[in-house]
C-alpha atoms as a PDB file:
ATOM      1  CA  UNK A   1     134.492 150.006 130.904  1.00  0.00           C
ATOM      2  CA  UNK A   2     135.208 146.501 129.599  1.00  0.00           C
ATOM      3  CA  UNK A   3     136.753 147.792 126.387  1.00  0.00           C
ATOM      4  CA  UNK A   4     138.994 150.161 128.356  1.00  0.00           C
ATOM      5  CA  UNK A   5     140.121 147.309 130.635  1.00  0.00           C
ATOM      6  CA  UNK A   6     140.939 145.111 127.630  1.00  0.00           C
ATOM      7  CA  UNK A   7     142.851 147.932 125.975  1.00  0.00           C
ATOM      8  CA  UNK A   8     144.889 148.595 129.148  1.00  0.00           C
ATOM      9  CA  UNK A   9     145.652 144.891 129.553  1.00  0.00           C
ATOM     10  CA  UNK A  10     146.757 144.597 125.942  1.00  0.00           C
ATOM     11  CA  UNK A  11     149.024 147.635 126.305  1.00  0.00           C
ATOM     12  CA  UNK A  12     150.674 146.211 129.430  1.00  0.00           C
ATOM     13  CA  UNK A  13     151.222 142.840 127.819  1.00  0.00           C
ATOM     14  CA  UNK A  14     152.616 144.455 124.677  1.00  0.00           C
ATOM     15  CA  UNK A  15     154.955 146.649 126.747  1.00  0.00           C
ATOM     16  CA  UNK A  16     156.390 143.648 128.598  1.00  0.00           C
ATOM     17  CA  UNK A  17     156.309 141.401 125.508  1.00  0.00           C
ATOM     18  CA  UNK A  18     153.965 138.923 127.203  1.00  0.00           C
ATOM     19  CA  UNK A  19     151.162 136.923 125.541  1.00  0.00           C
ATOM     20  CA  UNK A  20     147.575 137.839 126.375  1.00  0.00           C
ATOM     21  CA  UNK A  21     144.673 135.389 126.138  1.00  0.00           C
ATOM     22  CA  UNK A  22     141.139 136.775 126.343  1.00  0.00           C
ATOM     23  CA  UNK A  23     137.966 134.696 126.577  1.00  0.00           C
ATOM     24  CA  UNK A  24     134.782 136.452 125.502  1.00  0.00           C
ATOM     25  CA  UNK A  25     131.592 134.762 126.646  1.00  0.00           C
ATOM     26  CA  UNK A  26     128.329 135.975 125.116  1.00  0.00           C
ATOM     27  CA  UNK A  27     126.016 135.520 128.104  1.00  0.00           C
ATOM     28  CA  UNK A  28     122.964 136.619 126.106  1.00  0.00           C
ATOM     29  CA  UNK A  29     123.360 133.642 123.786  1.00  0.00           C
ATOM     30  CA  UNK A  30     124.104 131.075 126.489  1.00  0.00           C
ATOM     31  CA  UNK A  31     121.517 128.881 128.199  1.00  0.00           C
ATOM     32  CA  UNK A  32     121.375 127.791 131.848  1.00  0.00           C
ATOM     33  CA  UNK A  33     120.942 124.170 130.792  1.00  0.00           C
ATOM     34  CA  UNK A  34     124.418 123.755 129.298  1.00  0.00           C
ATOM     35  CA  UNK A  35     125.874 120.430 130.479  1.00  0.00           C
ATOM     36  CA  UNK A  36     129.449 121.371 131.299  1.00  0.00           C
ATOM     37  CA  UNK A  37     131.129 118.003 130.673  1.00  0.00           C
ATOM     38  CA  UNK A  38     129.770 117.975 127.109  1.00  0.00           C
ATOM     39  CA  UNK A  39     130.930 121.563 126.669  1.00  0.00           C
ATOM     40  CA  UNK A  40     134.496 120.757 127.823  1.00  0.00           C
ATOM     41  CA  UNK A  41     134.635 117.752 125.490  1.00  0.00           C
ATOM     42  CA  UNK A  42     133.458 119.852 122.536  1.00  0.00           C
ATOM     43  CA  UNK A  43     135.902 122.670 123.299  1.00  0.00           C
ATOM     44  CA  UNK A  44     138.830 120.270 123.678  1.00  0.00           C
ATOM     45  CA  UNK A  45     137.852 118.824 120.296  1.00  0.00           C
ATOM     46  CA  UNK A  46     138.488 122.218 118.698  1.00  0.00           C
ATOM     47  CA  UNK A  47     141.669 122.901 120.669  1.00  0.00           C
ATOM     48  CA  UNK A  48     140.363 125.097 123.534  1.00  0.00           C
ATOM     49  CA  UNK A  49     141.034 123.076 126.720  1.00  0.00           C
ATOM     50  CA  UNK A  50     141.742 126.053 129.017  1.00  0.00           C
ATOM     51  CA  UNK A  51     138.142 127.297 128.924  1.00  0.00           C
ATOM     52  CA  UNK A  52     137.177 124.752 131.611  1.00  0.00           C
ATOM     53  CA  UNK A  53     139.162 126.766 134.156  1.00  0.00           C
ATOM     54  CA  UNK A  54     136.611 129.574 133.836  1.00  0.00           C
ATOM     55  CA  UNK A  55     133.905 127.341 135.335  1.00  0.00           C
ATOM     56  CA  UNK A  56     135.701 124.836 137.582  1.00  0.00           C
ATOM     57  CA  UNK A  57     134.922 125.298 141.269  1.00  0.00           C
ATOM     58  CA  UNK A  58     132.491 128.176 140.713  1.00  0.00           C
ATOM     59  CA  UNK A  59     130.067 129.401 143.333  1.00  0.00           C
ATOM     60  CA  UNK A  60     127.163 131.814 143.301  1.00  0.00           C
ATOM     61  CA  UNK A  61     125.299 134.012 145.741  1.00  0.00           C
ATOM     62  CA  UNK A  62     121.874 135.623 145.523  1.00  0.00           C
ATOM     63  CA  UNK A  63     121.173 139.203 146.511  1.00  0.00           C
ATOM     64  CA  UNK A  64     117.576 140.072 147.438  1.00  0.00           C
ATOM     65  CA  UNK A  65     116.456 143.306 149.035  1.00  0.00           C
ATOM     66  CA  UNK A  66     120.047 144.153 149.953  1.00  0.00           C
ATOM     67  CA  UNK A  67     120.671 140.834 151.734  1.00  0.00           C
ATOM     68  CA  UNK A  68     123.186 138.309 150.387  1.00  0.00           C
ATOM     69  CA  UNK A  69     122.692 134.537 150.571  1.00  0.00           C
ATOM     70  CA  UNK A  70     125.366 132.051 151.546  1.00  0.00           C
ATOM     71  CA  UNK A  71     127.555 130.753 148.714  1.00  0.00           C
ATOM     72  CA  UNK A  72     126.474 127.626 146.837  1.00  0.00           C
ATOM     73  CA  UNK A  73     128.221 125.538 144.183  1.00  0.00           C
ATOM     74  CA  UNK A  74     127.173 125.835 140.558  1.00  0.00           C
ATOM     75  CA  UNK A  75     127.533 122.889 138.202  1.00  0.00           C
ATOM     76  CA  UNK A  76     125.557 123.930 135.123  1.00  0.00           C
ATOM     77  CA  UNK A  77     124.718 127.086 133.285  1.00  0.00           C
ATOM     78  CA  UNK A  78     126.833 130.116 132.653  1.00  0.00           C
ATOM     79  CA  UNK A  79     128.851 131.784 135.403  1.00  0.00           C
END
């Protein structure tokens, strides 16, 4: 499904002559102990400052036995 969605997005952007930026995050390789401020600094150092927007102001919820918890802020790890 993800590949189809990316293909459709790329076709739409090509049709309207618009740029498309895609961020691929390999969640299998990421660790929950990533300190975000260090990550942003490292990414800015290699010219990728927009990646911070993917994690700024993120929240999570937990589903257990069909019940959903209240939202809570996340400040480390992978979203």
